[in-house]
């Protein structure tokens, strides 16, 4: 049913469950796995010009670390890539380039006003992908842990 599975990761806690699901599906169908992390060019472009090079390097390092985590969990044979651009577009283009049968991505499950204001990479992927997309919602306890960490960081 699936020969190639692409899993998108940003290294966040909310994506861990999606990675688990992607690896499990790939194992069940003896499919190859491609893990992708996208450096969001919009985030770089929104930063002050004097910080852009440093921010790009930091985001690329973070992306490589996220892929390293997936690589550690998947074992040998996983393909990984870092791309720069608009995340949803890059995920869909990578899926086309690898002739993937399925894209797996995490979602934080935002609702209502937050979803409308912030948008969602997962939602854009679902709407624009040329192949099926499996969105994996994070567990509530992970969402609460991330919210608490974000609040501590803001303080």
Protein backbone atom coordinates (compact mmCIF):
# COMPACT_ATOMS: atom_id res chain seq x y z
CA UNK A 1 0.00 0.00 0.00
CA UNK A 2 2.83 2.43 0.87
CA UNK A 3 6.32 2.24 -0.62
CA UNK A 4 7.61 5.65 0.48
CA UNK A 5 6.57 7.66 3.52
CA UNK A 6 7.64 11.26 4.12
CA UNK A 7 7.53 12.52 7.69
CA UNK A 8 7.87 16.24 8.33
CA UNK A 9 9.57 17.27 11.54
CA UNK A 10 10.44 20.51 13.26
CA UNK A 11 11.88 18.78 16.31
CA UNK A 12 9.03 19.82 18.59
CA UNK A 13 7.49 17.53 21.17
CA UNK A 14 4.24 17.59 19.21
CA UNK A 15 5.90 15.94 16.22
CA UNK A 16 7.31 12.98 18.17
CA UNK A 17 4.04 11.08 17.98
CA UNK A 18 3.82 11.69 14.21
CA UNK A 19 7.34 10.30 13.82
CA UNK A 20 6.34 7.19 15.79
CA UNK A 21 3.27 6.70 13.60
CA UNK A 22 5.26 7.21 10.38
CA UNK A 23 7.93 4.72 11.45
CA UNK A 24 5.30 2.19 12.50
CA UNK A 25 3.44 2.50 9.19
CA UNK A 26 6.67 2.19 7.23
CA UNK A 27 7.62 -0.95 9.18
CA UNK A 28 4.19 -2.51 8.61
CA UNK A 29 4.32 -1.90 4.85
CA UNK A 30 8.08 -2.36 4.45
CA UNK A 31 8.24 1.19 3.10
CA UNK A 32 11.19 3.52 2.92
CA UNK A 33 11.10 6.58 5.16
CA UNK A 34 12.18 10.10 4.28
CA UNK A 35 12.36 12.65 7.09
CA UNK A 36 12.22 16.32 6.14
CA UNK A 37 12.77 19.47 8.14
CA UNK A 38 12.12 22.89 6.62
CA UNK A 39 13.85 26.12 7.60
CA UNK A 40 11.04 28.66 7.35
CA UNK A 41 12.26 31.47 5.10
CA UNK A 42 9.42 33.67 6.35
CA UNK A 43 10.86 33.50 9.86
CA UNK A 44 14.29 34.50 8.52
CA UNK A 45 12.89 37.29 6.33
CA UNK A 46 10.98 38.72 9.31
CA UNK A 47 14.15 39.09 11.37
CA UNK A 48 16.41 42.15 11.33
CA UNK A 49 18.83 42.04 8.36
CA UNK A 50 21.93 41.95 10.58
CA UNK A 51 20.66 38.76 12.27
CA UNK A 52 19.48 36.80 9.24
CA UNK A 53 22.69 34.85 8.60
CA UNK A 54 23.01 33.89 12.26
CA UNK A 55 19.33 32.96 12.47
CA UNK A 56 19.55 30.85 9.31
CA UNK A 57 22.52 28.96 10.74
CA UNK A 58 20.69 28.41 14.04
CA UNK A 59 17.55 27.18 12.28
CA UNK A 60 19.58 24.84 10.04
CA UNK A 61 21.35 23.45 13.11
CA UNK A 62 17.98 22.92 14.81
CA UNK A 63 16.63 21.19 11.68
CA UNK A 64 19.64 18.86 11.55
CA UNK A 65 19.17 18.03 15.24
CA UNK A 66 15.49 17.25 14.63
CA UNK A 67 16.45 14.93 11.79
CA UNK A 68 19.15 13.35 13.95
CA UNK A 69 16.49 12.43 16.50
CA UNK A 70 14.39 10.78 13.80
CA UNK A 71 17.48 9.04 12.41
CA UNK A 72 18.29 7.66 15.88
CA UNK A 73 14.77 6.27 16.24
CA UNK A 74 14.51 4.91 12.70
CA UNK A 75 17.90 3.30 12.37
CA UNK A 76 19.84 2.85 9.15
CA UNK A 77 18.21 3.33 5.80
CA UNK A 78 16.26 6.50 6.52
CA UNK A 79 16.75 9.37 4.10
CA UNK A 80 16.85 12.88 5.57
CA UNK A 81 16.79 16.36 4.08
CA UNK A 82 16.75 19.98 5.17
CA UNK A 83 15.09 22.47 2.86
CA UNK A 84 14.59 26.19 3.09
CA UNK A 85 11.36 27.87 2.06
CA UNK A 86 7.69 27.95 2.97
CA UNK A 87 7.18 24.74 5.01
CA UNK A 88 3.94 23.46 3.45
CA UNK A 89 5.19 24.11 -0.08
CA UNK A 90 8.54 22.45 0.58
CA UNK A 91 6.91 19.40 2.19
CA UNK A 92 4.65 18.90 -0.83
CA UNK A 93 7.48 19.44 -3.31
CA UNK A 94 9.71 16.99 -1.44
CA UNK A 95 6.94 14.39 -1.48
CA UNK A 96 6.65 14.81 -5.25
CA UNK A 97 10.43 14.60 -5.73
CA UNK A 98 10.69 11.38 -3.72
CA UNK A 99 7.59 9.86 -5.35
CA UNK A 100 6.11 9.41 -1.86
CA UNK A 101 2.84 7.60 -1.24
CA UNK A 102 2.07 9.30 2.08
CA UNK A 103 3.01 12.41 4.06
CA UNK A 104 2.85 12.20 7.84
CA UNK A 105 2.85 15.39 9.86
CA UNK A 106 2.05 16.43 13.37
CA UNK A 107 -0.56 18.95 14.36
CA UNK A 108 -1.15 20.82 17.55
CA UNK A 109 -4.89 20.74 16.98
CA UNK A 110 -5.49 24.47 17.18
CA UNK A 111 -9.12 25.48 16.94
CA UNK A 112 -11.17 28.54 16.21
CA UNK A 113 -9.59 31.96 16.29
CA UNK A 114 -6.01 30.75 16.90
CA UNK A 115 -6.14 28.53 13.81
CA UNK A 116 -7.53 31.38 11.72
CA UNK A 117 -4.92 33.85 12.94
CA UNK A 118 -1.89 31.58 12.96
CA UNK A 119 -2.72 29.19 10.16
CA UNK A 120 -1.36 25.70 10.17
CA UNK A 121 1.39 24.04 8.18
CA UNK A 122 -0.46 20.74 8.51
CA UNK A 123 -3.66 22.29 7.18
CA UNK A 124 -1.86 23.76 4.17
CA UNK A 125 -0.18 20.44 3.46
CA UNK A 126 -3.54 18.65 3.59
CA UNK A 127 -5.06 21.17 1.18
CA UNK A 128 -2.20 21.21 -1.33
CA UNK A 129 -0.50 17.80 -1.20
CA UNK A 130 -0.64 15.65 -4.30
CA UNK A 131 -0.88 12.50 -2.16
CA UNK A 132 -2.66 11.41 1.04
CA UNK A 133 -1.65 13.17 4.25
CA UNK A 134 -1.91 11.64 7.69
CA UNK A 135 -2.06 14.26 10.42
CA UNK A 136 -1.24 13.03 13.90
CA UNK A 137 -2.52 15.12 16.73
CA UNK A 138 -0.35 15.46 19.78
CA UNK A 139 -1.54 14.04 23.05
CA UNK A 140 -3.06 16.51 25.50
CA UNK A 141 -0.28 16.01 28.07
CA UNK A 142 2.34 17.00 25.46
CA UNK A 143 0.34 20.12 24.60
CA UNK A 144 0.19 21.10 28.26
CA UNK A 145 3.94 20.47 28.72
CA UNK A 146 4.75 22.65 25.68
CA UNK A 147 2.42 25.44 26.89
CA UNK A 148 4.05 25.45 30.32
CA UNK A 149 7.53 25.53 28.76
CA UNK A 150 6.51 28.42 26.47
CA UNK A 151 5.12 30.35 29.45
CA UNK A 152 8.36 29.83 31.42
CA UNK A 153 10.43 30.99 28.46
CA UNK A 154 8.33 34.14 28.08
CA UNK A 155 8.74 35.04 31.76
